[in-house]
């Protein structure tokens, strides 16, 4: 089930302190980006954040779950923790700091 737009908007409001936070629709769900790095996703009105050492330490206690079938385990951030905007922004910021920049996309010849 796709997330409700109000959930996506609320999470964007709560994470303004993390940097340039944005979302992109992806296969009926949303990817979450900080400063151009994909740091997680919003699936079925739940927030999943990629697992990094700093992110895990910041989020403890936290459980892990896959945002969709076949995906790696992510930190599942419970909705009751979303109200603390400073904490949530810090989580996204420390997670993004540990993730590499995406590789530039190259165009195939003739495309």
PDB file of N, CA and C in Angstrom:
ATOM      1  N   UNK A   1       0.847  -1.176   0.000  1.00  0.00           N
ATOM      2  CA  UNK A   1       0.000   0.000   0.000  1.00  0.00           C
ATOM      3  C   UNK A   1       0.894   1.242   0.000  1.00  0.00           C
ATOM      4  N   UNK A   2       0.659   2.152  -0.893  1.00  0.00           N
ATOM      5  CA  UNK A   2       1.462   3.365  -1.014  1.00  0.00           C
ATOM      6  C   UNK A   2       1.262   4.271   0.199  1.00  0.00           C
ATOM      7  N   UNK A   3       2.318   4.994   0.583  1.00  0.00           N
ATOM      8  CA  UNK A   3       2.173   5.913   1.715  1.00  0.00           C
ATOM      9  C   UNK A   3       1.241   7.069   1.363  1.00  0.00           C
ATOM     10  N   UNK A   4       0.603   7.595   2.364  1.00  0.00           N
ATOM     11  CA  UNK A   4      -0.251   8.757   2.166  1.00  0.00           C
ATOM     12  C   UNK A   4       0.637   9.989   1.993  1.00  0.00           C
ATOM     13  N   UNK A   5       0.210  10.898   1.155  1.00  0.00           N
ATOM     14  CA  UNK A   5       0.998  12.105   0.893  1.00  0.00           C
ATOM     15  C   UNK A   5       1.208  12.911   2.183  1.00  0.00           C
ATOM     16  N   UNK A   6       0.245  12.893   3.080  1.00  0.00           N
ATOM     17  CA  UNK A   6       0.394  13.649   4.332  1.00  0.00           C
ATOM     18  C   UNK A   6       1.523  13.082   5.189  1.00  0.00           C
ATOM     19  N   UNK A   7       1.764  11.773   5.121  1.00  0.00           N
ATOM     20  CA  UNK A   7       2.883  11.170   5.853  1.00  0.00           C
ATOM     21  C   UNK A   7       4.202  11.682   5.288  1.00  0.00           C
ATOM     22  N   UNK A   8       4.315  11.684   3.980  1.00  0.00           N
ATOM     23  CA  UNK A   8       5.531  12.166   3.311  1.00  0.00           C
ATOM     24  C   UNK A   8       5.761  13.636   3.645  1.00  0.00           C
ATOM     25  N   UNK A   9       4.716  14.447   3.553  1.00  0.00           N
ATOM     26  CA  UNK A   9       4.841  15.883   3.851  1.00  0.00           C
ATOM     27  C   UNK A   9       5.245  16.107   5.303  1.00  0.00           C
ATOM     28  N   UNK A  10       4.666  15.352   6.224  1.00  0.00           N
ATOM     29  CA  UNK A  10       5.001  15.508   7.639  1.00  0.00           C
ATOM     30  C   UNK A  10       6.473  15.184   7.892  1.00  0.00           C
ATOM     31  N   UNK A  11       6.949  14.083   7.313  1.00  0.00           N
ATOM     32  CA  UNK A  11       8.353  13.709   7.500  1.00  0.00           C
ATOM     33  C   UNK A  11       9.284  14.762   6.902  1.00  0.00           C
ATOM     34  N   UNK A  12       8.916  15.342   5.784  1.00  0.00           N
ATOM     35  CA  UNK A  12       9.733  16.413   5.193  1.00  0.00           C
ATOM     36  C   UNK A  12       9.772  17.626   6.119  1.00  0.00           C
ATOM     37  N   UNK A  13       8.650  17.974   6.714  1.00  0.00           N
ATOM     38  CA  UNK A  13       8.604  19.089   7.667  1.00  0.00           C
ATOM     39  C   UNK A  13       9.490  18.822   8.875  1.00  0.00           C
ATOM     40  N   UNK A  14       9.459  17.597   9.372  1.00  0.00           N
ATOM     41  CA  UNK A  14      10.177  17.247  10.593  1.00  0.00           C
ATOM     42  C   UNK A  14      11.684  17.168  10.396  1.00  0.00           C
ATOM     43  N   UNK A  15      12.139  17.050   9.172  1.00  0.00           N
ATOM     44  CA  UNK A  15      13.564  16.807   8.928  1.00  0.00           C
ATOM     45  C   UNK A  15      14.270  17.969   8.238  1.00  0.00           C
ATOM     46  N   UNK A  16      13.713  19.152   8.330  1.00  0.00           N
ATOM     47  CA  UNK A  16      14.342  20.297   7.669  1.00  0.00           C
ATOM     48  C   UNK A  16      15.735  20.591   8.214  1.00  0.00           C
ATOM     49  N   UNK A  17      16.028  20.186   9.438  1.00  0.00           N
ATOM     50  CA  UNK A  17      17.338  20.431  10.023  1.00  0.00           C
ATOM     51  C   UNK A  17      18.415  19.468   9.569  1.00  0.00           C
ATOM     52  N   UNK A  18      18.078  18.511   8.724  1.00  0.00           N
ATOM     53  CA  UNK A  18      19.042  17.496   8.288  1.00  0.00           C
ATOM     54  C   UNK A  18      19.847  17.914   7.073  1.00  0.00           C
ATOM     55  N   UNK A  19      19.466  18.984   6.427  1.00  0.00           N
ATOM     56  CA  UNK A  19      20.109  19.390   5.181  1.00  0.00           C
ATOM     57  C   UNK A  19      19.055  19.480   4.106  1.00  0.00           C
ATOM     58  N   UNK A  20      19.459  19.272   2.869  1.00  0.00           N
ATOM     59  CA  UNK A  20      18.521  19.314   1.749  1.00  0.00           C
ATOM     60  C   UNK A  20      17.803  17.971   1.667  1.00  0.00           C
ATOM     61  N   UNK A  21      16.665  17.864   2.346  1.00  0.00           N
ATOM     62  CA  UNK A  21      15.894  16.619   2.373  1.00  0.00           C
ATOM     63  C   UNK A  21      14.841  16.669   1.271  1.00  0.00           C
ATOM     64  N   UNK A  22      14.752  15.580   0.533  1.00  0.00           N
ATOM     65  CA  UNK A  22      13.739  15.498  -0.520  1.00  0.00           C
ATOM     66  C   UNK A  22      13.244  14.064  -0.631  1.00  0.00           C
ATOM     67  N   UNK A  23      12.139  13.897  -1.313  1.00  0.00           N
ATOM     68  CA  UNK A  23      11.609  12.568  -1.582  1.00  0.00           C
ATOM     69  C   UNK A  23      11.343  12.444  -3.074  1.00  0.00           C
ATOM     70  N   UNK A  24      11.403  11.229  -3.561  1.00  0.00           N
ATOM     71  CA  UNK A  24      11.085  10.958  -4.960  1.00  0.00           C
ATOM     72  C   UNK A  24      10.193   9.724  -5.005  1.00  0.00           C
ATOM     73  N   UNK A  25       9.100   9.791  -5.769  1.00  0.00           N
ATOM     74  CA  UNK A  25       8.253   8.604  -5.905  1.00  0.00           C
ATOM     75  C   UNK A  25       9.035   7.481  -6.594  1.00  0.00           C
ATOM     76  N   UNK A  26       8.895   6.285  -6.043  1.00  0.00           N
ATOM     77  CA  UNK A  26       9.592   5.120  -6.596  1.00  0.00           C
ATOM     78  C   UNK A  26       8.704   3.898  -6.446  1.00  0.00           C
ATOM     79  N   UNK A  27       8.176   3.408  -7.544  1.00  0.00           N
ATOM     80  CA  UNK A  27       7.401   2.171  -7.537  1.00  0.00           C
ATOM     81  C   UNK A  27       6.252   2.211  -6.528  1.00  0.00           C
ATOM     82  N   UNK A  28       5.586   3.342  -6.415  1.00  0.00           N
ATOM     83  CA  UNK A  28       4.456   3.469  -5.507  1.00  0.00           C
ATOM     84  C   UNK A  28       4.841   3.838  -4.083  1.00  0.00           C
ATOM     85  N   UNK A  29       6.111   3.899  -3.796  1.00  0.00           N
ATOM     86  CA  UNK A  29       6.617   4.297  -2.480  1.00  0.00           C
ATOM     87  C   UNK A  29       7.459   5.559  -2.696  1.00  0.00           C
ATOM     88  N   UNK A  30       8.205   5.980  -1.676  1.00  0.00           N
ATOM     89  CA  UNK A  30       9.043   7.173  -1.811  1.00  0.00           C
ATOM     90  C   UNK A  30      10.450   6.890  -1.327  1.00  0.00           C
ATOM     91  N   UNK A  31      11.431   7.316  -2.113  1.00  0.00           N
ATOM     92  CA  UNK A  31      12.816   7.319  -1.663  1.00  0.00           C
ATOM     93  C   UNK A  31      13.061   8.609  -0.899  1.00  0.00           C
ATOM     94  N   UNK A  32      13.893   8.536   0.157  1.00  0.00           N
ATOM     95  CA  UNK A  32      14.220   9.717   0.954  1.00  0.00           C
ATOM     96  C   UNK A  32      15.692  10.044   0.714  1.00  0.00           C
ATOM     97  N   UNK A  33      15.960  11.311   0.393  1.00  0.00           N
ATOM     98  CA  UNK A  33      17.308  11.762   0.055  1.00  0.00           C
ATOM     99  C   UNK A  33      17.729  12.903   0.968  1.00  0.00           C
ATOM    100  N   UNK A  34      19.004  12.904   1.346  1.00  0.00           N
ATOM    101  CA  UNK A  34      19.603  14.016   2.082  1.00  0.00           C
ATOM    102  C   UNK A  34      20.839  14.444   1.301  1.00  0.00           C
ATOM    103  N   UNK A  35      20.850  15.692   0.879  1.00  0.00           N
ATOM    104  CA  UNK A  35      21.969  16.236   0.103  1.00  0.00           C
ATOM    105  C   UNK A  35      22.334  15.343  -1.078  1.00  0.00           C
ATOM    106  N   UNK A  36      21.320  14.819  -1.747  1.00  0.00           N
ATOM    107  CA  UNK A  36      21.520  14.002  -2.937  1.00  0.00           C
ATOM    108  C   UNK A  36      21.805  12.531  -2.694  1.00  0.00           C
ATOM    109  N   UNK A  37      21.926  12.114  -1.438  1.00  0.00           N
ATOM    110  CA  UNK A  37      22.190  10.710  -1.102  1.00  0.00           C
ATOM    111  C   UNK A  37      20.895  10.035  -0.673  1.00  0.00           C
ATOM    112  N   UNK A  38      20.601   8.875  -1.250  1.00  0.00           N
ATOM    113  CA  UNK A  38      19.422   8.134  -0.823  1.00  0.00           C
ATOM    114  C   UNK A  38      19.726   7.508   0.540  1.00  0.00           C
ATOM    115  N   UNK A  39      18.964   7.902   1.556  1.00  0.00           N
ATOM    116  CA  UNK A  39      19.234   7.417   2.913  1.00  0.00           C
ATOM    117  C   UNK A  39      18.139   6.483   3.424  1.00  0.00           C
ATOM    118  N   UNK A  40      17.080   6.321   2.662  1.00  0.00           N
ATOM    119  CA  UNK A  40      16.016   5.444   3.124  1.00  0.00           C
ATOM    120  C   UNK A  40      14.789   5.548   2.246  1.00  0.00           C
ATOM    121  N   UNK A  41      13.658   5.096   2.804  1.00  0.00           N
ATOM    122  CA  UNK A  41      12.416   5.117   2.049  1.00  0.00           C
ATOM    123  C   UNK A  41      11.216   5.202   2.984  1.00  0.00           C
ATOM    124  N   UNK A  42      10.117   5.623   2.398  1.00  0.00           N
ATOM    125  CA  UNK A  42       8.841   5.641   3.091  1.00  0.00           C
ATOM    126  C   UNK A  42       7.959   4.641   2.350  1.00  0.00           C
ATOM    127  N   UNK A  43       7.626   3.569   3.031  1.00  0.00           N
ATOM    128  CA  UNK A  43       6.824   2.498   2.444  1.00  0.00           C
ATOM    129  C   UNK A  43       5.696   2.159   3.409  1.00  0.00           C
ATOM    130  N   UNK A  44       4.490   2.070   2.878  1.00  0.00           N
ATOM    131  CA  UNK A  44       3.336   1.720   3.710  1.00  0.00           C
ATOM    132  C   UNK A  44       3.232   2.606   4.951  1.00  0.00           C
ATOM    133  N   UNK A  45       3.485   3.901   4.787  1.00  0.00           N
ATOM    134  CA  UNK A  45       3.432   4.875   5.885  1.00  0.00           C
ATOM    135  C   UNK A  45       4.403   4.549   7.017  1.00  0.00           C
ATOM    136  N   UNK A  46       5.519   3.930   6.685  1.00  0.00           N
ATOM    137  CA  UNK A  46       6.571   3.656   7.658  1.00  0.00           C
ATOM    138  C   UNK A  46       7.885   4.205   7.114  1.00  0.00           C
ATOM    139  N   UNK A  47       8.743   4.674   8.027  1.00  0.00           N
ATOM    140  CA  UNK A  47      10.030   5.232   7.642  1.00  0.00           C
ATOM    141  C   UNK A  47      11.127   4.192   7.860  1.00  0.00           C
ATOM    142  N   UNK A  48      11.850   3.912   6.790  1.00  0.00           N
ATOM    143  CA  UNK A  48      12.980   2.988   6.823  1.00  0.00           C
ATOM    144  C   UNK A  48      14.233   3.789   6.496  1.00  0.00           C
ATOM    145  N   UNK A  49      15.256   3.671   7.333  1.00  0.00           N
ATOM    146  CA  UNK A  49      16.510   4.387   7.134  1.00  0.00           C
ATOM    147  C   UNK A  49      17.624   3.362   6.968  1.00  0.00           C
ATOM    148  N   UNK A  50      18.482   3.583   5.978  1.00  0.00           N
ATOM    149  CA  UNK A  50      19.602   2.670   5.757  1.00  0.00           C
ATOM    150  C   UNK A  50      20.406   2.540   7.044  1.00  0.00           C
ATOM    151  N   UNK A  51      20.874   1.343   7.292  1.00  0.00           N
ATOM    152  CA  UNK A  51      21.611   1.065   8.518  1.00  0.00           C
ATOM    153  C   UNK A  51      23.082   1.457   8.361  1.00  0.00           C
ATOM    154  N   UNK A  52      23.517   2.393   9.219  1.00  0.00           N
ATOM    155  CA  UNK A  52      24.923   2.775   9.310  1.00  0.00           C
ATOM    156  C   UNK A  52      25.304   2.689  10.784  1.00  0.00           C
ATOM    157  N   UNK A  53      26.584   2.658  11.078  1.00  0.00           N
ATOM    158  CA  UNK A  53      27.018   2.560  12.474  1.00  0.00           C
ATOM    159  C   UNK A  53      26.539   3.758  13.289  1.00  0.00           C
ATOM    160  N   UNK A  54      26.716   4.961  12.765  1.00  0.00           N
ATOM    161  CA  UNK A  54      26.296   6.160  13.490  1.00  0.00           C
ATOM    162  C   UNK A  54      24.779   6.244  13.607  1.00  0.00           C
ATOM    163  N   UNK A  55      24.086   5.884  12.554  1.00  0.00           N
ATOM    164  CA  UNK A  55      22.633   5.905  12.576  1.00  0.00           C
ATOM    165  C   UNK A  55      22.072   4.928  13.589  1.00  0.00           C
ATOM    166  N   UNK A  56      22.629   3.731  13.609  1.00  0.00           N
ATOM    167  CA  UNK A  56      22.173   2.713  14.571  1.00  0.00           C
ATOM    168  C   UNK A  56      22.422   3.191  15.995  1.00  0.00           C
ATOM    169  N   UNK A  57      23.575   3.726  16.264  1.00  0.00           N
ATOM    170  CA  UNK A  57      23.904   4.219  17.602  1.00  0.00           C
ATOM    171  C   UNK A  57      22.939   5.330  18.016  1.00  0.00           C
ATOM    172  N   UNK A  58      22.667   6.241  17.105  1.00  0.00           N
ATOM    173  CA  UNK A  58      21.758   7.346  17.388  1.00  0.00           C
ATOM    174  C   UNK A  58      20.323   6.861  17.628  1.00  0.00           C
ATOM    175  N   UNK A  59      19.900   5.840  16.905  1.00  0.00           N
ATOM    176  CA  UNK A  59      18.508   5.395  16.945  1.00  0.00           C
ATOM    177  C   UNK A  59      18.205   4.378  18.046  1.00  0.00           C
ATOM    178  N   UNK A  60      19.222   3.810  18.679  1.00  0.00           N
ATOM    179  CA  UNK A  60      18.974   2.772  19.685  1.00  0.00           C
ATOM    180  C   UNK A  60      17.994   3.249  20.742  1.00  0.00           C
ATOM    181  N   UNK A  61      17.079   2.412  21.167  1.00  0.00           N
ATOM    182  CA  UNK A  61      16.773   1.077  20.638  1.00  0.00           C
ATOM    183  C   UNK A  61      15.988   1.190  19.329  1.00  0.00           C
ATOM    184  N   UNK A  62      16.303   0.314  18.392  1.00  0.00           N
ATOM    185  CA  UNK A  62      15.635   0.339  17.090  1.00  0.00           C
ATOM    186  C   UNK A  62      15.570  -1.078  16.542  1.00  0.00           C
ATOM    187  N   UNK A  63      14.519  -1.354  15.792  1.00  0.00           N
ATOM    188  CA  UNK A  63      14.403  -2.661  15.153  1.00  0.00           C
ATOM    189  C   UNK A  63      14.754  -2.524  13.678  1.00  0.00           C
ATOM    190  N   UNK A  64      14.970  -3.652  13.045  1.00  0.00           N
ATOM    191  CA  UNK A  64      15.284  -3.671  11.622  1.00  0.00           C
ATOM    192  C   UNK A  64      14.172  -4.398  10.873  1.00  0.00           C
ATOM    193  N   UNK A  65      13.957  -3.955   9.644  1.00  0.00           N
ATOM    194  CA  UNK A  65      12.969  -4.591   8.784  1.00  0.00           C
ATOM    195  C   UNK A  65      13.303  -4.227   7.340  1.00  0.00           C
ATOM    196  N   UNK A  66      12.770  -4.995   6.429  1.00  0.00           N
ATOM    197  CA  UNK A  66      12.954  -4.697   5.009  1.00  0.00           C
ATOM    198  C   UNK A  66      11.789  -3.838   4.526  1.00  0.00           C
ATOM    199  N   UNK A  67      12.088  -2.761   3.820  1.00  0.00           N
ATOM    200  CA  UNK A  67      11.009  -1.905   3.332  1.00  0.00           C
ATOM    201  C   UNK A  67      10.133  -2.593   2.277  1.00  0.00           C
ATOM    202  N   UNK A  68      10.694  -3.563   1.579  1.00  0.00           N
ATOM    203  CA  UNK A  68       9.943  -4.315   0.579  1.00  0.00           C
ATOM    204  C   UNK A  68      10.644  -5.650   0.381  1.00  0.00           C
ATOM    205  N   UNK A  69       9.961  -6.566  -0.215  1.00  0.00           N
ATOM    206  CA  UNK A  69      10.490  -7.914  -0.414  1.00  0.00           C
ATOM    207  C   UNK A  69      11.802  -7.881  -1.193  1.00  0.00           C
ATOM    208  N   UNK A  70      12.814  -8.529  -0.673  1.00  0.00           N
ATOM    209  CA  UNK A  70      14.107  -8.619  -1.329  1.00  0.00           C
ATOM    210  C   UNK A  70      15.066  -7.497  -0.975  1.00  0.00           C
ATOM    211  N   UNK A  71      14.628  -6.514  -0.202  1.00  0.00           N
ATOM    212  CA  UNK A  71      15.497  -5.392   0.171  1.00  0.00           C
ATOM    213  C   UNK A  71      16.360  -5.757   1.372  1.00  0.00           C
ATOM    214  N   UNK A  72      17.493  -5.078   1.503  1.00  0.00           N
ATOM    215  CA  UNK A  72      18.333  -5.235   2.688  1.00  0.00           C
ATOM    216  C   UNK A  72      17.585  -4.709   3.903  1.00  0.00           C
ATOM    217  N   UNK A  73      18.012  -5.159   5.074  1.00  0.00           N
ATOM    218  CA  UNK A  73      17.404  -4.668   6.302  1.00  0.00           C
ATOM    219  C   UNK A  73      17.746  -3.196   6.505  1.00  0.00           C
ATOM    220  N   UNK A  74      16.772  -2.437   6.949  1.00  0.00           N
ATOM    221  CA  UNK A  74      16.907  -1.015   7.266  1.00  0.00           C
ATOM    222  C   UNK A  74      16.477  -0.809   8.713  1.00  0.00           C
ATOM    223  N   UNK A  75      16.819   0.338   9.259  1.00  0.00           N
ATOM    224  CA  UNK A  75      16.315   0.710  10.575  1.00  0.00           C
ATOM    225  C   UNK A  75      14.858   1.129  10.392  1.00  0.00           C
ATOM    226  N   UNK A  76      13.960   0.527  11.147  1.00  0.00           N
ATOM    227  CA  UNK A  76      12.545   0.887  11.084  1.00  0.00           C
ATOM    228  C   UNK A  76      12.289   1.924  12.172  1.00  0.00           C
ATOM    229  N   UNK A  77      12.031   3.153  11.768  1.00  0.00           N
ATOM    230  CA  UNK A  77      11.838   4.248  12.717  1.00  0.00           C
ATOM    231  C   UNK A  77      10.344   4.353  13.011  1.00  0.00           C
ATOM    232  N   UNK A  78       9.981   4.015  14.234  1.00  0.00           N
ATOM    233  CA  UNK A  78       8.579   3.993  14.637  1.00  0.00           C
ATOM    234  C   UNK A  78       7.972   5.392  14.572  1.00  0.00           C
ATOM    235  N   UNK A  79       6.703   5.479  14.218  1.00  0.00           N
ATOM    236  CA  UNK A  79       6.007   6.752  14.028  1.00  0.00           C
ATOM    237  C   UNK A  79       5.998   7.613  15.289  1.00  0.00           C
ATOM    238  N   UNK A  80       6.016   6.995  16.462  1.00  0.00           N
ATOM    239  CA  UNK A  80       5.994   7.806  17.689  1.00  0.00           C
ATOM    240  C   UNK A  80       7.300   8.572  17.900  1.00  0.00           C
ATOM    241  N   UNK A  81       8.345   8.253  17.150  1.00  0.00           N
ATOM    242  CA  UNK A  81       9.622   8.962  17.254  1.00  0.00           C
ATOM    243  C   UNK A  81       9.723  10.112  16.248  1.00  0.00           C
ATOM    244  N   UNK A  82       8.795  10.208  15.321  1.00  0.00           N
ATOM    245  CA  UNK A  82       8.835  11.234  14.288  1.00  0.00           C
ATOM    246  C   UNK A  82       8.574  12.622  14.839  1.00  0.00           C
ATOM    247  N   UNK A  83       7.899  12.721  15.968  1.00  0.00           N
ATOM    248  CA  UNK A  83       7.531  14.030  16.516  1.00  0.00           C
ATOM    249  C   UNK A  83       8.728  14.828  17.020  1.00  0.00           C
ATOM    250  N   UNK A  84       9.834  14.155  17.318  1.00  0.00           N
ATOM    251  CA  UNK A  84      11.042  14.838  17.779  1.00  0.00           C
ATOM    252  C   UNK A  84      11.863  15.240  16.554  1.00  0.00           C
ATOM    253  N   UNK A  85      11.571  16.435  16.031  1.00  0.00           N
ATOM    254  CA  UNK A  85      12.187  16.887  14.782  1.00  0.00           C
ATOM    255  C   UNK A  85      13.705  16.958  14.873  1.00  0.00           C
ATOM    256  N   UNK A  86      14.232  17.405  16.000  1.00  0.00           N
ATOM    257  CA  UNK A  86      15.692  17.514  16.146  1.00  0.00           C
ATOM    258  C   UNK A  86      16.339  16.131  16.105  1.00  0.00           C
ATOM    259  N   UNK A  87      15.757  15.185  16.822  1.00  0.00           N
ATOM    260  CA  UNK A  87      16.291  13.824  16.848  1.00  0.00           C
ATOM    261  C   UNK A  87      16.235  13.204  15.459  1.00  0.00           C
ATOM    262  N   UNK A  88      15.094  13.353  14.779  1.00  0.00           N
ATOM    263  CA  UNK A  88      14.920  12.761  13.459  1.00  0.00           C
ATOM    264  C   UNK A  88      15.872  13.397  12.448  1.00  0.00           C
ATOM    265  N   UNK A  89      16.025  14.712  12.499  1.00  0.00           N
ATOM    266  CA  UNK A  89      16.965  15.390  11.602  1.00  0.00           C
ATOM    267  C   UNK A  89      18.389  14.921  11.847  1.00  0.00           C
ATOM    268  N   UNK A  90      18.757  14.767  13.123  1.00  0.00           N
ATOM    269  CA  UNK A  90      20.099  14.270  13.451  1.00  0.00           C
ATOM    270  C   UNK A  90      20.315  12.868  12.900  1.00  0.00           C
ATOM    271  N   UNK A  91      19.300  12.014  13.013  1.00  0.00           N
ATOM    272  CA  UNK A  91      19.417  10.644  12.485  1.00  0.00           C
ATOM    273  C   UNK A  91      19.681  10.667  10.991  1.00  0.00           C
ATOM    274  N   UNK A  92      18.920  11.444  10.260  1.00  0.00           N
ATOM    275  CA  UNK A  92      19.123  11.507   8.814  1.00  0.00           C
ATOM    276  C   UNK A  92      20.485  12.101   8.467  1.00  0.00           C
ATOM    277  N   UNK A  93      20.914  13.119   9.210  1.00  0.00           N
ATOM    278  CA  UNK A  93      22.205  13.762   8.949  1.00  0.00           C
ATOM    279  C   UNK A  93      23.365  12.803   9.185  1.00  0.00           C
ATOM    280  N   UNK A  94      23.370  12.079  10.320  1.00  0.00           N
ATOM    281  CA  UNK A  94      24.499  11.175  10.600  1.00  0.00           C
ATOM    282  C   UNK A  94      24.495   9.983   9.646  1.00  0.00           C
ATOM    283  N   UNK A  95      23.313   9.568   9.234  1.00  0.00           N
ATOM    284  CA  UNK A  95      23.229   8.473   8.262  1.00  0.00           C
ATOM    285  C   UNK A  95      23.808   8.916   6.926  1.00  0.00           C
ATOM    286  N   UNK A  96      23.397  10.083   6.456  1.00  0.00           N
ATOM    287  CA  UNK A  96      23.888  10.583   5.172  1.00  0.00           C
ATOM    288  C   UNK A  96      25.400  10.779   5.193  1.00  0.00           C
ATOM    289  N   UNK A  97      25.941  11.200   6.331  1.00  0.00           N
ATOM    290  CA  UNK A  97      27.383  11.449   6.430  1.00  0.00           C
ATOM    291  C   UNK A  97      28.192  10.174   6.193  1.00  0.00           C
ATOM    292  N   UNK A  98      27.644   9.021   6.515  1.00  0.00           N
ATOM    293  CA  UNK A  98      28.372   7.759   6.334  1.00  0.00           C
ATOM    294  C   UNK A  98      28.173   7.118   4.969  1.00  0.00           C
ATOM    295  N   UNK A  99      27.214   7.590   4.216  1.00  0.00           N
ATOM    296  CA  UNK A  99      26.927   6.964   2.923  1.00  0.00           C
ATOM    297  C   UNK A  99      27.695   7.668   1.814  1.00  0.00           C
ATOM    298  N   UNK A 100      28.137   6.907   0.814  1.00  0.00           N
ATOM    299  CA  UNK A 100      28.881   7.523  -0.293  1.00  0.00           C
ATOM    300  C   UNK A 100      27.952   8.316  -1.200  1.00  0.00           C
ATOM    301  N   UNK A 101      28.523   9.255  -1.914  1.00  0.00           N
ATOM    302  CA  UNK A 101      27.768   9.987  -2.932  1.00  0.00           C
ATOM    303  C   UNK A 101      27.400   8.999  -4.038  1.00  0.00           C
ATOM    304  N   UNK A 102      26.245   9.168  -4.642  1.00  0.00           N
ATOM    305  CA  UNK A 102      25.888   8.269  -5.745  1.00  0.00           C
ATOM    306  C   UNK A 102      26.842   8.445  -6.916  1.00  0.00           C
ATOM    307  N   UNK A 103      27.082   7.357  -7.613  1.00  0.00           N
ATOM    308  CA  UNK A 103      27.947   7.422  -8.785  1.00  0.00           C
ATOM    309  C   UNK A 103      27.228   8.177  -9.892  1.00  0.00           C
ATOM    310  N   UNK A 104      27.965   9.009 -10.622  1.00  0.00           N
ATOM    311  CA  UNK A 104      27.320   9.738 -11.726  1.00  0.00           C
ATOM    312  C   UNK A 104      26.802   8.763 -12.774  1.00  0.00           C
ATOM    313  N   UNK A 105      25.652   9.075 -13.288  1.00  0.00           N
ATOM    314  CA  UNK A 105      25.071   8.223 -14.321  1.00  0.00           C
ATOM    315  C   UNK A 105      25.742   8.538 -15.646  1.00  0.00           C
ATOM    316  N   UNK A 106      26.096   7.495 -16.356  1.00  0.00           N
ATOM    317  CA  UNK A 106      26.691   7.694 -17.674  1.00  0.00           C
ATOM    318  C   UNK A 106      25.675   7.318 -18.731  1.00  0.00           C
ATOM    319  N   UNK A 107      25.687   8.083 -19.771  1.00  0.00           N
ATOM    320  CA  UNK A 107      24.769   7.806 -20.871  1.00  0.00           C
ATOM    321  C   UNK A 107      25.393   6.763 -21.792  1.00  0.00           C
ATOM    322  N   UNK A 108      24.568   5.862 -22.230  1.00  0.00           N
ATOM    323  CA  UNK A 108      25.044   4.849 -23.173  1.00  0.00           C
ATOM    324  C   UNK A 108      25.162   5.498 -24.557  1.00  0.00           C
ATOM    325  N   UNK A 109      26.177   5.099 -25.298  1.00  0.00           N
ATOM    326  CA  UNK A 109      26.322   5.652 -26.649  1.00  0.00           C
ATOM    327  C   UNK A 109      25.051   5.418 -27.466  1.00  0.00           C
ATOM    328  N   UNK A 110      24.625   6.462 -28.163  1.00  0.00           N
ATOM    329  CA  UNK A 110      23.441   6.352 -28.995  1.00  0.00           C
ATOM    330  C   UNK A 110      22.144   6.583 -28.237  1.00  0.00           C
ATOM    331  N   UNK A 111      22.238   6.872 -26.945  1.00  0.00           N
ATOM    332  CA  UNK A 111      21.010   7.091 -26.172  1.00  0.00           C
ATOM    333  C   UNK A 111      20.598   8.529 -26.212  1.00  0.00           C
TER     334      UNK A 111
END
